C-alpha cells in the first residue's frame, strides 16, 4: 500500500467518524426534545389537576406539581431541572388562568346580552 492510499484511507476514516459523531449528537438531541415535549404535556395535565384541587393554596399547588413532575422525570429518565420546570409551570398557570378568566368574561357578556334582549 502506498503512502497516498494510506493518507486517503485515514482521511476517509476521519470523515466517516466525524459524520457518525454528528449523527449521534443529532439523535441524542431528538430524543431529549421528545422527552421534553412529553414532560411539557405532562406538566400541563399536572397543572390542570392541581387547579382542580380546591383545598390547596397556590403555593401548595405549585409544590405538588413540582413533586409530581420530579417523579415523572425519574420514571422517564429525564434529568430534573427544577428552575426550568418551575418556569414552564408558571407559564402554564398563567395561560390556564387567563383562559379561565376569558371564558368567565365571555359567559358574563353572553348573560348580559341575554338580559338586555329580555
PDB file of N, CA and C in Angstrom:
ATOM      1  N   UNK A   1       0.850  -1.167   0.000  1.00  0.00           N
ATOM      2  CA  UNK A   1       0.000   0.000   0.000  1.00  0.00           C
ATOM      3  C   UNK A   1       0.899   1.234   0.000  1.00  0.00           C
ATOM      4  N   UNK A   2       0.549   2.172  -0.860  1.00  0.00           N
ATOM      5  CA  UNK A   2       1.376   3.365  -0.978  1.00  0.00           C
ATOM      6  C   UNK A   2       0.970   4.401   0.080  1.00  0.00           C
ATOM      7  N   UNK A   3       1.822   5.376   0.250  1.00  0.00           N
ATOM      8  CA  UNK A   3       1.582   6.443   1.224  1.00  0.00           C
ATOM      9  C   UNK A   3       0.321   7.220   0.862  1.00  0.00           C
ATOM     10  N   UNK A   4       0.062   7.460  -0.429  1.00  0.00           N
ATOM     11  CA  UNK A   4      -1.140   8.182  -0.857  1.00  0.00           C
ATOM     12  C   UNK A   4      -2.405   7.410  -0.481  1.00  0.00           C
ATOM     13  N   UNK A   5      -2.367   6.103  -0.664  1.00  0.00           N
ATOM     14  CA  UNK A   5      -3.529   5.288  -0.327  1.00  0.00           C
ATOM     15  C   UNK A   5      -3.779   5.290   1.186  1.00  0.00           C
ATOM     16  N   UNK A   6      -2.730   5.260   1.974  1.00  0.00           N
ATOM     17  CA  UNK A   6      -2.858   5.295   3.435  1.00  0.00           C
ATOM     18  C   UNK A   6      -3.434   6.632   3.886  1.00  0.00           C
ATOM     19  N   UNK A   7      -2.935   7.711   3.309  1.00  0.00           N
ATOM     20  CA  UNK A   7      -3.443   9.043   3.647  1.00  0.00           C
ATOM     21  C   UNK A   7      -4.921   9.154   3.263  1.00  0.00           C
ATOM     22  N   UNK A   8      -5.266   8.655   2.089  1.00  0.00           N
ATOM     23  CA  UNK A   8      -6.649   8.689   1.617  1.00  0.00           C
ATOM     24  C   UNK A   8      -7.542   7.855   2.543  1.00  0.00           C
ATOM     25  N   UNK A   9      -7.081   6.688   2.960  1.00  0.00           N
ATOM     26  CA  UNK A   9      -7.838   5.819   3.859  1.00  0.00           C
ATOM     27  C   UNK A   9      -8.027   6.474   5.225  1.00  0.00           C
ATOM     28  N   UNK A  10      -6.991   7.090   5.748  1.00  0.00           N
ATOM     29  CA  UNK A  10      -7.088   7.797   7.035  1.00  0.00           C
ATOM     30  C   UNK A  10      -8.052   8.975   6.917  1.00  0.00           C
ATOM     31  N   UNK A  11      -7.968   9.698   5.822  1.00  0.00           N
ATOM     32  CA  UNK A  11      -8.852  10.845   5.599  1.00  0.00           C
ATOM     33  C   UNK A  11     -10.310  10.394   5.504  1.00  0.00           C
ATOM     34  N   UNK A  12     -10.540   9.321   4.774  1.00  0.00           N
ATOM     35  CA  UNK A  12     -11.890   8.784   4.639  1.00  0.00           C
ATOM     36  C   UNK A  12     -12.414   8.291   5.992  1.00  0.00           C
ATOM     37  N   UNK A  13     -11.580   7.622   6.760  1.00  0.00           N
ATOM     38  CA  UNK A  13     -11.971   7.135   8.086  1.00  0.00           C
ATOM     39  C   UNK A  13     -12.314   8.294   9.016  1.00  0.00           C
ATOM     40  N   UNK A  14     -11.504   9.336   8.976  1.00  0.00           N
ATOM     41  CA  UNK A  14     -11.753  10.515   9.806  1.00  0.00           C
ATOM     42  C   UNK A  14     -13.077  11.167   9.415  1.00  0.00           C
ATOM     43  N   UNK A  15     -13.350  11.297   8.134  1.00  0.00           N
ATOM     44  CA  UNK A  15     -14.611  11.881   7.658  1.00  0.00           C
ATOM     45  C   UNK A  15     -15.794  11.045   8.115  1.00  0.00           C
ATOM     46  N   UNK A  16     -15.654   9.731   8.054  1.00  0.00           N
ATOM     47  CA  UNK A  16     -16.725   8.843   8.493  1.00  0.00           C
ATOM     48  C   UNK A  16     -16.981   8.995   9.988  1.00  0.00           C
ATOM     49  N   UNK A  17     -15.927   9.066  10.775  1.00  0.00           N
ATOM     50  CA  UNK A  17     -16.064   9.230  12.228  1.00  0.00           C
ATOM     51  C   UNK A  17     -16.750  10.554  12.559  1.00  0.00           C
ATOM     52  N   UNK A  18     -16.358  11.626  11.883  1.00  0.00           N
ATOM     53  CA  UNK A  18     -16.976  12.941  12.122  1.00  0.00           C
ATOM     54  C   UNK A  18     -18.452  12.905  11.744  1.00  0.00           C
ATOM     55  N   UNK A  19     -18.785  12.290  10.631  1.00  0.00           N
ATOM     56  CA  UNK A  19     -20.186  12.194  10.200  1.00  0.00           C
ATOM     57  C   UNK A  19     -21.013  11.388  11.194  1.00  0.00           C
ATOM     58  N   UNK A  20     -20.485  10.273  11.659  1.00  0.00           N
ATOM     59  CA  UNK A  20     -21.198   9.453  12.644  1.00  0.00           C
ATOM     60  C   UNK A  20     -21.378  10.189  13.964  1.00  0.00           C
ATOM     61  N   UNK A  21     -20.373  10.952  14.369  1.00  0.00           N
ATOM     62  CA  UNK A  21     -20.479  11.731  15.604  1.00  0.00           C
ATOM     63  C   UNK A  21     -21.590  12.775  15.480  1.00  0.00           C
ATOM     64  N   UNK A  22     -21.654  13.442  14.330  1.00  0.00           N
ATOM     65  CA  UNK A  22     -22.718  14.425  14.099  1.00  0.00           C
ATOM     66  C   UNK A  22     -24.089  13.780  14.122  1.00  0.00           C
ATOM     67  N   UNK A  23     -24.211  12.610  13.522  1.00  0.00           N
ATOM     68  CA  UNK A  23     -25.471  11.874  13.513  1.00  0.00           C
ATOM     69  C   UNK A  23     -25.861  11.456  14.927  1.00  0.00           C
ATOM     70  N   UNK A  24     -24.884  11.012  15.706  1.00  0.00           N
ATOM     71  CA  UNK A  24     -25.114  10.602  17.088  1.00  0.00           C
ATOM     72  C   UNK A  24     -25.609  11.784  17.930  1.00  0.00           C
ATOM     73  N   UNK A  25     -24.983  12.930  17.772  1.00  0.00           N
ATOM     74  CA  UNK A  25     -25.391  14.132  18.506  1.00  0.00           C
ATOM     75  C   UNK A  25     -26.814  14.531  18.120  1.00  0.00           C
ATOM     76  N   UNK A  26     -27.126  14.499  16.826  1.00  0.00           N
ATOM     77  CA  UNK A  26     -28.474  14.847  16.359  1.00  0.00           C
ATOM     78  C   UNK A  26     -29.508  13.877  16.922  1.00  0.00           C
ATOM     79  N   UNK A  27     -29.174  12.610  16.981  1.00  0.00           N
ATOM     80  CA  UNK A  27     -30.083  11.603  17.523  1.00  0.00           C
ATOM     81  C   UNK A  27     -30.341  11.842  19.010  1.00  0.00           C
ATOM     82  N   UNK A  28     -29.303  12.159  19.759  1.00  0.00           N
ATOM     83  CA  UNK A  28     -29.458  12.442  21.194  1.00  0.00           C
ATOM     84  C   UNK A  28     -30.335  13.679  21.402  1.00  0.00           C
ATOM     85  N   UNK A  29     -30.115  14.728  20.599  1.00  0.00           N
ATOM     86  CA  UNK A  29     -30.946  15.939  20.717  1.00  0.00           C
ATOM     87  C   UNK A  29     -32.404  15.628  20.424  1.00  0.00           C
ATOM     88  N   UNK A  30     -32.647  14.799  19.414  1.00  0.00           N
ATOM     89  CA  UNK A  30     -34.014  14.449  19.049  1.00  0.00           C
ATOM     90  C   UNK A  30     -34.691  13.694  20.192  1.00  0.00           C
ATOM     91  N   UNK A  31     -33.976  12.775  20.815  1.00  0.00           N
ATOM     92  CA  UNK A  31     -34.535  12.019  21.937  1.00  0.00           C
ATOM     93  C   UNK A  31     -34.821  12.945  23.119  1.00  0.00           C
ATOM     94  N   UNK A  32     -33.888  13.857  23.416  1.00  0.00           N
ATOM     95  CA  UNK A  32     -34.099  14.798  24.520  1.00  0.00           C
ATOM     96  C   UNK A  32     -35.296  15.702  24.249  1.00  0.00           C
ATOM     97  N   UNK A  33     -35.427  16.200  23.008  1.00  0.00           N
ATOM     98  CA  UNK A  33     -36.556  17.063  22.667  1.00  0.00           C
ATOM     99  C   UNK A  33     -37.873  16.316  22.805  1.00  0.00           C
ATOM    100  N   UNK A  34     -37.903  15.057  22.403  1.00  0.00           N
ATOM    101  CA  UNK A  34     -39.118  14.244  22.529  1.00  0.00           C
ATOM    102  C   UNK A  34     -39.479  14.088  23.998  1.00  0.00           C
ATOM    103  N   UNK A  35     -38.475  13.824  24.828  1.00  0.00           N
ATOM    104  CA  UNK A  35     -38.743  13.665  26.256  1.00  0.00           C
ATOM    105  C   UNK A  35     -39.242  14.969  26.865  1.00  0.00           C
ATOM    106  N   UNK A  36     -38.665  16.114  26.451  1.00  0.00           N
ATOM    107  CA  UNK A  36     -39.117  17.405  26.985  1.00  0.00           C
ATOM    108  C   UNK A  36     -40.530  17.716  26.509  1.00  0.00           C
ATOM    109  N   UNK A  37     -40.864  17.328  25.272  1.00  0.00           N
ATOM    110  CA  UNK A  37     -42.234  17.519  24.787  1.00  0.00           C
ATOM    111  C   UNK A  37     -43.206  16.697  25.635  1.00  0.00           C
ATOM    112  N   UNK A  38     -42.799  15.462  25.952  1.00  0.00           N
ATOM    113  CA  UNK A  38     -43.625  14.623  26.826  1.00  0.00           C
ATOM    114  C   UNK A  38     -43.764  15.252  28.207  1.00  0.00           C
ATOM    115  N   UNK A  39     -42.672  15.796  28.724  1.00  0.00           N
ATOM    116  CA  UNK A  39     -42.705  16.445  30.035  1.00  0.00           C
ATOM    117  C   UNK A  39     -43.624  17.667  30.015  1.00  0.00           C
ATOM    118  N   UNK A  40     -43.541  18.471  28.976  1.00  0.00           N
ATOM    119  CA  UNK A  40     -44.401  19.659  28.888  1.00  0.00           C
ATOM    120  C   UNK A  40     -45.875  19.261  28.868  1.00  0.00           C
ATOM    121  N   UNK A  41     -46.208  18.214  28.121  1.00  0.00           N
ATOM    122  CA  UNK A  41     -47.599  17.751  28.080  1.00  0.00           C
ATOM    123  C   UNK A  41     -48.030  17.255  29.457  1.00  0.00           C
ATOM    124  N   UNK A  42     -47.158  16.517  30.115  1.00  0.00           N
ATOM    125  CA  UNK A  42     -47.466  16.017  31.457  1.00  0.00           C
ATOM    126  C   UNK A  42     -47.609  17.173  32.445  1.00  0.00           C
ATOM    127  N   UNK A  43     -46.757  18.184  32.329  1.00  0.00           N
ATOM    128  CA  UNK A  43     -46.864  19.353  33.209  1.00  0.00           C
ATOM    129  C   UNK A  43     -48.201  20.057  33.021  1.00  0.00           C
ATOM    130  N   UNK A  44     -48.638  20.164  31.781  1.00  0.00           N
ATOM    131  CA  UNK A  44     -49.947  20.772  31.504  1.00  0.00           C
ATOM    132  C   UNK A  44     -51.039  19.997  32.247  1.00  0.00           C
ATOM    133  N   UNK A  45     -51.012  18.676  32.129  1.00  0.00           N
ATOM    134  CA  UNK A  45     -52.002  17.842  32.811  1.00  0.00           C
ATOM    135  C   UNK A  45     -51.910  17.983  34.330  1.00  0.00           C
ATOM    136  N   UNK A  46     -50.681  18.054  34.845  1.00  0.00           N
ATOM    137  CA  UNK A  46     -50.496  18.179  36.295  1.00  0.00           C
ATOM    138  C   UNK A  46     -50.975  19.531  36.813  1.00  0.00           C
ATOM    139  N   UNK A  47     -50.727  20.591  36.046  1.00  0.00           N
ATOM    140  CA  UNK A  47     -51.200  21.923  36.457  1.00  0.00           C
ATOM    141  C   UNK A  47     -52.726  21.946  36.469  1.00  0.00           C
ATOM    142  N   UNK A  48     -53.351  21.352  35.458  1.00  0.00           N
ATOM    143  CA  UNK A  48     -54.820  21.272  35.447  1.00  0.00           C
ATOM    144  C   UNK A  48     -55.327  20.490  36.654  1.00  0.00           C
ATOM    145  N   UNK A  49     -54.661  19.401  36.963  1.00  0.00           N
ATOM    146  CA  UNK A  49     -55.036  18.582  38.126  1.00  0.00           C
ATOM    147  C   UNK A  49     -54.924  19.398  39.407  1.00  0.00           C
ATOM    148  N   UNK A  50     -53.847  20.151  39.540  1.00  0.00           N
ATOM    149  CA  UNK A  50     -53.647  20.967  40.743  1.00  0.00           C
ATOM    150  C   UNK A  50     -54.687  22.084  40.823  1.00  0.00           C
ATOM    151  N   UNK A  51     -55.014  22.684  39.690  1.00  0.00           N
ATOM    152  CA  UNK A  51     -56.003  23.771  39.685  1.00  0.00           C
ATOM    153  C   UNK A  51     -57.385  23.273  40.097  1.00  0.00           C
ATOM    154  N   UNK A  52     -57.666  21.997  39.824  1.00  0.00           N
ATOM    155  CA  UNK A  52     -58.955  21.421  40.200  1.00  0.00           C
ATOM    156  C   UNK A  52     -59.038  21.131  41.696  1.00  0.00           C
ATOM    157  N   UNK A  53     -57.894  21.076  42.366  1.00  0.00           N
ATOM    158  CA  UNK A  53     -57.847  20.807  43.802  1.00  0.00           C
ATOM    159  C   UNK A  53     -58.110  22.114  44.537  1.00  0.00           C
ATOM    160  N   UNK A  54     -59.278  22.223  45.107  1.00  0.00           N
ATOM    161  CA  UNK A  54     -59.710  23.488  45.698  1.00  0.00           C
ATOM    162  C   UNK A  54     -59.146  23.740  47.093  1.00  0.00           C
ATOM    163  N   UNK A  55     -58.756  22.699  47.808  1.00  0.00           N
ATOM    164  CA  UNK A  55     -58.336  22.888  49.197  1.00  0.00           C
ATOM    165  C   UNK A  55     -56.841  23.171  49.339  1.00  0.00           C
ATOM    166  N   UNK A  56     -56.142  23.493  48.243  1.00  0.00           N
ATOM    167  CA  UNK A  56     -54.719  23.829  48.301  1.00  0.00           C
ATOM    168  C   UNK A  56     -54.502  25.290  47.925  1.00  0.00           C
ATOM    169  N   UNK A  57     -53.540  25.914  48.591  1.00  0.00           N
ATOM    170  CA  UNK A  57     -53.172  27.275  48.216  1.00  0.00           C
ATOM    171  C   UNK A  57     -52.365  27.214  46.915  1.00  0.00           C
ATOM    172  N   UNK A  58     -52.132  28.348  46.307  1.00  0.00           N
ATOM    173  CA  UNK A  58     -51.370  28.363  45.051  1.00  0.00           C
ATOM    174  C   UNK A  58     -49.942  27.861  45.268  1.00  0.00           C
ATOM    175  N   UNK A  59     -49.361  28.179  46.418  1.00  0.00           N
ATOM    176  CA  UNK A  59     -48.010  27.701  46.731  1.00  0.00           C
ATOM    177  C   UNK A  59     -48.004  26.184  46.886  1.00  0.00           C
ATOM    178  N   UNK A  60     -49.018  25.660  47.556  1.00  0.00           N
ATOM    179  CA  UNK A  60     -49.112  24.204  47.736  1.00  0.00           C
ATOM    180  C   UNK A  60     -49.339  23.505  46.396  1.00  0.00           C
ATOM    181  N   UNK A  61     -50.142  24.128  45.539  1.00  0.00           N
ATOM    182  CA  UNK A  61     -50.385  23.550  44.211  1.00  0.00           C
ATOM    183  C   UNK A  61     -49.088  23.483  43.409  1.00  0.00           C
ATOM    184  N   UNK A  62     -48.315  24.556  43.464  1.00  0.00           N
ATOM    185  CA  UNK A  62     -47.059  24.596  42.726  1.00  0.00           C
ATOM    186  C   UNK A  62     -46.085  23.550  43.271  1.00  0.00           C
ATOM    187  N   UNK A  63     -46.015  23.425  44.582  1.00  0.00           N
ATOM    188  CA  UNK A  63     -45.146  22.415  45.197  1.00  0.00           C
ATOM    189  C   UNK A  63     -45.573  21.010  44.793  1.00  0.00           C
ATOM    190  N   UNK A  64     -46.871  20.784  44.756  1.00  0.00           N
ATOM    191  CA  UNK A  64     -47.383  19.468  44.369  1.00  0.00           C
ATOM    192  C   UNK A  64     -47.013  19.164  42.918  1.00  0.00           C
ATOM    193  N   UNK A  65     -47.193  20.137  42.041  1.00  0.00           N
ATOM    194  CA  UNK A  65     -46.866  19.934  40.627  1.00  0.00           C
ATOM    195  C   UNK A  65     -45.370  19.675  40.466  1.00  0.00           C
ATOM    196  N   UNK A  66     -44.533  20.415  41.179  1.00  0.00           N
ATOM    197  CA  UNK A  66     -43.080  20.184  41.115  1.00  0.00           C
ATOM    198  C   UNK A  66     -42.732  18.770  41.581  1.00  0.00           C
ATOM    199  N   UNK A  67     -43.367  18.321  42.634  1.00  0.00           N
ATOM    200  CA  UNK A  67     -43.116  16.980  43.153  1.00  0.00           C
ATOM    201  C   UNK A  67     -43.565  15.923  42.148  1.00  0.00           C
ATOM    202  N   UNK A  68     -44.757  16.100  41.596  1.00  0.00           N
ATOM    203  CA  UNK A  68     -45.263  15.160  40.588  1.00  0.00           C
ATOM    204  C   UNK A  68     -44.359  15.156  39.356  1.00  0.00           C
ATOM    205  N   UNK A  69     -43.898  16.339  38.969  1.00  0.00           N
ATOM    206  CA  UNK A  69     -43.025  16.447  37.797  1.00  0.00           C
ATOM    207  C   UNK A  69     -41.686  15.752  38.046  1.00  0.00           C
ATOM    208  N   UNK A  70     -41.170  15.896  39.250  1.00  0.00           N
ATOM    209  CA  UNK A  70     -39.908  15.228  39.575  1.00  0.00           C
ATOM    210  C   UNK A  70     -40.072  13.711  39.496  1.00  0.00           C
ATOM    211  N   UNK A  71     -41.195  13.210  40.004  1.00  0.00           N
ATOM    212  CA  UNK A  71     -41.466  11.771  39.912  1.00  0.00           C
ATOM    213  C   UNK A  71     -41.576  11.330  38.454  1.00  0.00           C
ATOM    214  N   UNK A  72     -42.259  12.133  37.645  1.00  0.00           N
ATOM    215  CA  UNK A  72     -42.409  11.816  36.223  1.00  0.00           C
ATOM    216  C   UNK A  72     -41.042  11.767  35.542  1.00  0.00           C
ATOM    217  N   UNK A  73     -40.194  12.744  35.846  1.00  0.00           N
ATOM    218  CA  UNK A  73     -38.850  12.777  35.254  1.00  0.00           C
ATOM    219  C   UNK A  73     -38.046  11.530  35.619  1.00  0.00           C
ATOM    220  N   UNK A  74     -38.151  11.113  36.871  1.00  0.00           N
ATOM    221  CA  UNK A  74     -37.428   9.913  37.303  1.00  0.00           C
ATOM    222  C   UNK A  74     -37.886   8.690  36.522  1.00  0.00           C
ATOM    223  N   UNK A  75     -39.198   8.550  36.355  1.00  0.00           N
ATOM    224  CA  UNK A  75     -39.710   7.367  35.653  1.00  0.00           C
ATOM    225  C   UNK A  75     -39.392   7.401  34.158  1.00  0.00           C
ATOM    226  N   UNK A  76     -39.240   8.604  33.592  1.00  0.00           N
ATOM    227  CA  UNK A  76     -38.982   8.731  32.156  1.00  0.00           C
ATOM    228  C   UNK A  76     -37.497   8.863  31.824  1.00  0.00           C
ATOM    229  N   UNK A  77     -36.653   8.912  32.846  1.00  0.00           N
ATOM    230  CA  UNK A  77     -35.221   9.045  32.607  1.00  0.00           C
ATOM    231  C   UNK A  77     -34.815  10.432  32.133  1.00  0.00           C
ATOM    232  N   UNK A  78     -35.557  11.440  32.588  1.00  0.00           N
ATOM    233  CA  UNK A  78     -35.274  12.829  32.232  1.00  0.00           C
ATOM    234  C   UNK A  78     -34.573  13.483  33.418  1.00  0.00           C
ATOM    235  N   UNK A  79     -33.509  14.220  33.146  1.00  0.00           N
ATOM    236  CA  UNK A  79     -32.834  14.957  34.211  1.00  0.00           C
ATOM    237  C   UNK A  79     -33.764  16.070  34.685  1.00  0.00           C
ATOM    238  N   UNK A  80     -34.053  16.091  35.975  1.00  0.00           N
ATOM    239  CA  UNK A  80     -34.978  17.077  36.530  1.00  0.00           C
ATOM    240  C   UNK A  80     -34.249  18.390  36.751  1.00  0.00           C
ATOM    241  N   UNK A  81     -34.700  19.433  36.070  1.00  0.00           N
ATOM    242  CA  UNK A  81     -34.155  20.784  36.222  1.00  0.00           C
ATOM    243  C   UNK A  81     -35.259  21.624  36.857  1.00  0.00           C
ATOM    244  N   UNK A  82     -35.184  21.813  38.171  1.00  0.00           N
ATOM    245  CA  UNK A  82     -36.254  22.469  38.925  1.00  0.00           C
ATOM    246  C   UNK A  82     -36.558  23.871  38.400  1.00  0.00           C
ATOM    247  N   UNK A  83     -35.530  24.640  38.068  1.00  0.00           N
ATOM    248  CA  UNK A  83     -35.758  26.007  37.586  1.00  0.00           C
ATOM    249  C   UNK A  83     -36.501  26.007  36.251  1.00  0.00           C
ATOM    250  N   UNK A  84     -36.080  25.143  35.360  1.00  0.00           N
ATOM    251  CA  UNK A  84     -36.718  25.069  34.042  1.00  0.00           C
ATOM    252  C   UNK A  84     -38.167  24.589  34.171  1.00  0.00           C
ATOM    253  N   UNK A  85     -38.381  23.562  34.992  1.00  0.00           N
ATOM    254  CA  UNK A  85     -39.729  23.035  35.193  1.00  0.00           C
ATOM    255  C   UNK A  85     -40.615  24.085  35.859  1.00  0.00           C
ATOM    256  N   UNK A  86     -40.072  24.785  36.839  1.00  0.00           N
ATOM    257  CA  UNK A  86     -40.851  25.831  37.525  1.00  0.00           C
ATOM    258  C   UNK A  86     -41.241  26.945  36.558  1.00  0.00           C
ATOM    259  N   UNK A  87     -40.350  27.295  35.657  1.00  0.00           N
ATOM    260  CA  UNK A  87     -40.646  28.311  34.647  1.00  0.00           C
ATOM    261  C   UNK A  87     -41.780  27.852  33.732  1.00  0.00           C
ATOM    262  N   UNK A  88     -41.739  26.598  33.336  1.00  0.00           N
ATOM    263  CA  UNK A  88     -42.802  26.056  32.485  1.00  0.00           C
ATOM    264  C   UNK A  88     -44.123  26.046  33.243  1.00  0.00           C
ATOM    265  N   UNK A  89     -44.090  25.662  34.516  1.00  0.00           N
ATOM    266  CA  UNK A  89     -45.301  25.634  35.350  1.00  0.00           C
ATOM    267  C   UNK A  89     -45.902  27.030  35.455  1.00  0.00           C
ATOM    268  N   UNK A  90     -45.062  28.039  35.711  1.00  0.00           N
ATOM    269  CA  UNK A  90     -45.550  29.425  35.808  1.00  0.00           C
ATOM    270  C   UNK A  90     -46.243  29.854  34.518  1.00  0.00           C
ATOM    271  N   UNK A  91     -45.642  29.525  33.402  1.00  0.00           N
ATOM    272  CA  UNK A  91     -46.230  29.876  32.103  1.00  0.00           C
ATOM    273  C   UNK A  91     -47.562  29.171  31.907  1.00  0.00           C
ATOM    274  N   UNK A  92     -47.606  27.885  32.219  1.00  0.00           N
ATOM    275  CA  UNK A  92     -48.852  27.130  32.064  1.00  0.00           C
ATOM    276  C   UNK A  92     -49.946  27.664  32.979  1.00  0.00           C
ATOM    277  N   UNK A  93     -49.587  27.964  34.231  1.00  0.00           N
ATOM    278  CA  UNK A  93     -50.580  28.508  35.162  1.00  0.00           C
ATOM    279  C   UNK A  93     -51.151  29.820  34.643  1.00  0.00           C
ATOM    280  N   UNK A  94     -50.287  30.674  34.139  1.00  0.00           N
ATOM    281  CA  UNK A  94     -50.748  31.962  33.616  1.00  0.00           C
ATOM    282  C   UNK A  94     -51.688  31.752  32.428  1.00  0.00           C
ATOM    283  N   UNK A  95     -51.332  30.840  31.539  1.00  0.00           N
ATOM    284  CA  UNK A  95     -52.181  30.582  30.371  1.00  0.00           C
ATOM    285  C   UNK A  95     -53.523  29.974  30.775  1.00  0.00           C
ATOM    286  N   UNK A  96     -53.488  29.043  31.717  1.00  0.00           N
ATOM    287  CA  UNK A  96     -54.730  28.404  32.156  1.00  0.00           C
ATOM    288  C   UNK A  96     -55.624  29.410  32.860  1.00  0.00           C
ATOM    289  N   UNK A  97     -55.043  30.220  33.751  1.00  0.00           N
ATOM    290  CA  UNK A  97     -55.844  31.228  34.451  1.00  0.00           C
ATOM    291  C   UNK A  97     -56.397  32.264  33.489  1.00  0.00           C
ATOM    292  N   UNK A  98     -55.597  32.656  32.507  1.00  0.00           N
ATOM    293  CA  UNK A  98     -56.066  33.609  31.505  1.00  0.00           C
ATOM    294  C   UNK A  98     -57.230  33.020  30.719  1.00  0.00           C
ATOM    295  N   UNK A  99     -57.122  31.747  30.384  1.00  0.00           N
ATOM    296  CA  UNK A  99     -58.206  31.061  29.669  1.00  0.00           C
ATOM    297  C   UNK A  99     -59.463  30.979  30.503  1.00  0.00           C
ATOM    298  N   UNK A 100     -59.307  30.707  31.805  1.00  0.00           N
ATOM    299  CA  UNK A 100     -60.469  30.635  32.682  1.00  0.00           C
ATOM    300  C   UNK A 100     -61.118  31.998  32.828  1.00  0.00           C
ATOM    301  N   UNK A 101     -60.321  33.049  32.978  1.00  0.00           N
ATOM    302  CA  UNK A 101     -60.867  34.402  33.107  1.00  0.00           C
ATOM    303  C   UNK A 101     -61.560  34.832  31.825  1.00  0.00           C
ATOM    304  N   UNK A 102     -60.994  34.458  30.684  1.00  0.00           N
ATOM    305  CA  UNK A 102     -61.594  34.805  29.400  1.00  0.00           C
ATOM    306  C   UNK A 102     -62.935  34.116  29.249  1.00  0.00           C
ATOM    307  N   UNK A 103     -63.016  32.838  29.609  1.00  0.00           N
ATOM    308  CA  UNK A 103     -64.287  32.127  29.463  1.00  0.00           C
ATOM    309  C   UNK A 103     -65.319  32.673  30.442  1.00  0.00           C
ATOM    310  N   UNK A 104     -64.901  33.100  31.643  1.00  0.00           N
ATOM    311  CA  UNK A 104     -65.836  33.688  32.597  1.00  0.00           C
ATOM    312  C   UNK A 104     -66.376  35.007  32.069  1.00  0.00           C
ATOM    313  N   UNK A 105     -65.489  35.828  31.494  1.00  0.00           N
ATOM    314  CA  UNK A 105     -65.958  37.116  30.973  1.00  0.00           C
ATOM    315  C   UNK A 105     -66.832  36.906  29.747  1.00  0.00           C
ATOM    316  N   UNK A 106     -66.550  35.889  28.940  1.00  0.00           N
ATOM    317  CA  UNK A 106     -67.410  35.575  27.799  1.00  0.00           C
ATOM    318  C   UNK A 106     -68.787  35.169  28.274  1.00  0.00           C
ATOM    319  N   UNK A 107     -68.838  34.368  29.355  1.00  0.00           N
ATOM    320  CA  UNK A 107     -70.124  33.951  29.907  1.00  0.00           C
ATOM    321  C   UNK A 107     -70.897  35.147  30.450  1.00  0.00           C
ATOM    322  N   UNK A 108     -70.199  36.099  31.092  1.00  0.00           N
ATOM    323  CA  UNK A 108     -70.858  37.302  31.594  1.00  0.00           C
ATOM    324  C   UNK A 108     -71.415  38.127  30.446  1.00  0.00           C
ATOM    325  N   UNK A 109     -70.616  38.258  29.366  1.00  0.00           N
ATOM    326  CA  UNK A 109     -71.074  39.004  28.208  1.00  0.00           C
ATOM    327  C   UNK A 109     -72.324  38.366  27.618  1.00  0.00           C
ATOM    328  N   UNK A 110     -72.340  37.042  27.539  1.00  0.00           N
ATOM    329  CA  UNK A 110     -73.498  36.338  26.982  1.00  0.00           C
ATOM    330  C   UNK A 110     -74.708  36.540  27.872  1.00  0.00           C
ATOM    331  N   UNK A 111     -74.528  36.442  29.194  1.00  0.00           N
ATOM    332  CA  UNK A 111     -75.667  36.607  30.095  1.00  0.00           C
ATOM    333  C   UNK A 111     -76.160  38.046  30.085  1.00  0.00           C
ATOM    334  N   UNK A 112     -75.257  39.035  29.947  1.00  0.00           N
ATOM    335  CA  UNK A 112     -75.672  40.440  29.860  1.00  0.00           C
ATOM    336  C   UNK A 112     -76.474  40.667  28.581  1.00  0.00           C
ATOM    337  N   UNK A 113     -76.027  40.099  27.470  1.00  0.00           N
ATOM    338  CA  UNK A 113     -76.742  40.258  26.208  1.00  0.00           C
ATOM    339  C   UNK A 113     -78.107  39.595  26.282  1.00  0.00           C
ATOM    340  N   UNK A 114     -78.194  38.450  26.959  1.00  0.00           N
ATOM    341  CA  UNK A 114     -79.457  37.740  27.107  1.00  0.00           C
ATOM    342  C   UNK A 114     -80.426  38.580  27.943  1.00  0.00           C
ATOM    343  N   UNK A 115     -79.931  39.206  29.021  1.00  0.00           N
ATOM    344  CA  UNK A 115     -80.773  40.035  29.864  1.00  0.00           C
ATOM    345  C   UNK A 115     -81.249  41.265  29.109  1.00  0.00           C
ATOM    346  N   UNK A 116     -80.390  41.851  28.299  1.00  0.00           N
ATOM    347  CA  UNK A 116     -80.763  43.040  27.530  1.00  0.00           C
ATOM    348  C   UNK A 116     -81.849  42.711  26.521  1.00  0.00           C
ATOM    349  N   UNK A 117     -81.787  41.519  25.944  1.00  0.00           N
ATOM    350  CA  UNK A 117     -82.768  41.149  24.938  1.00  0.00           C
ATOM    351  C   UNK A 117     -84.106  40.791  25.546  1.00  0.00           C
ATOM    352  N   UNK A 118     -84.094  40.402  26.839  1.00  0.00           N
ATOM    353  CA  UNK A 118     -85.356  40.054  27.530  1.00  0.00           C
ATOM    354  C   UNK A 118     -86.073  41.308  27.840  1.00  0.00           C
TER     355      UNK A 118
END
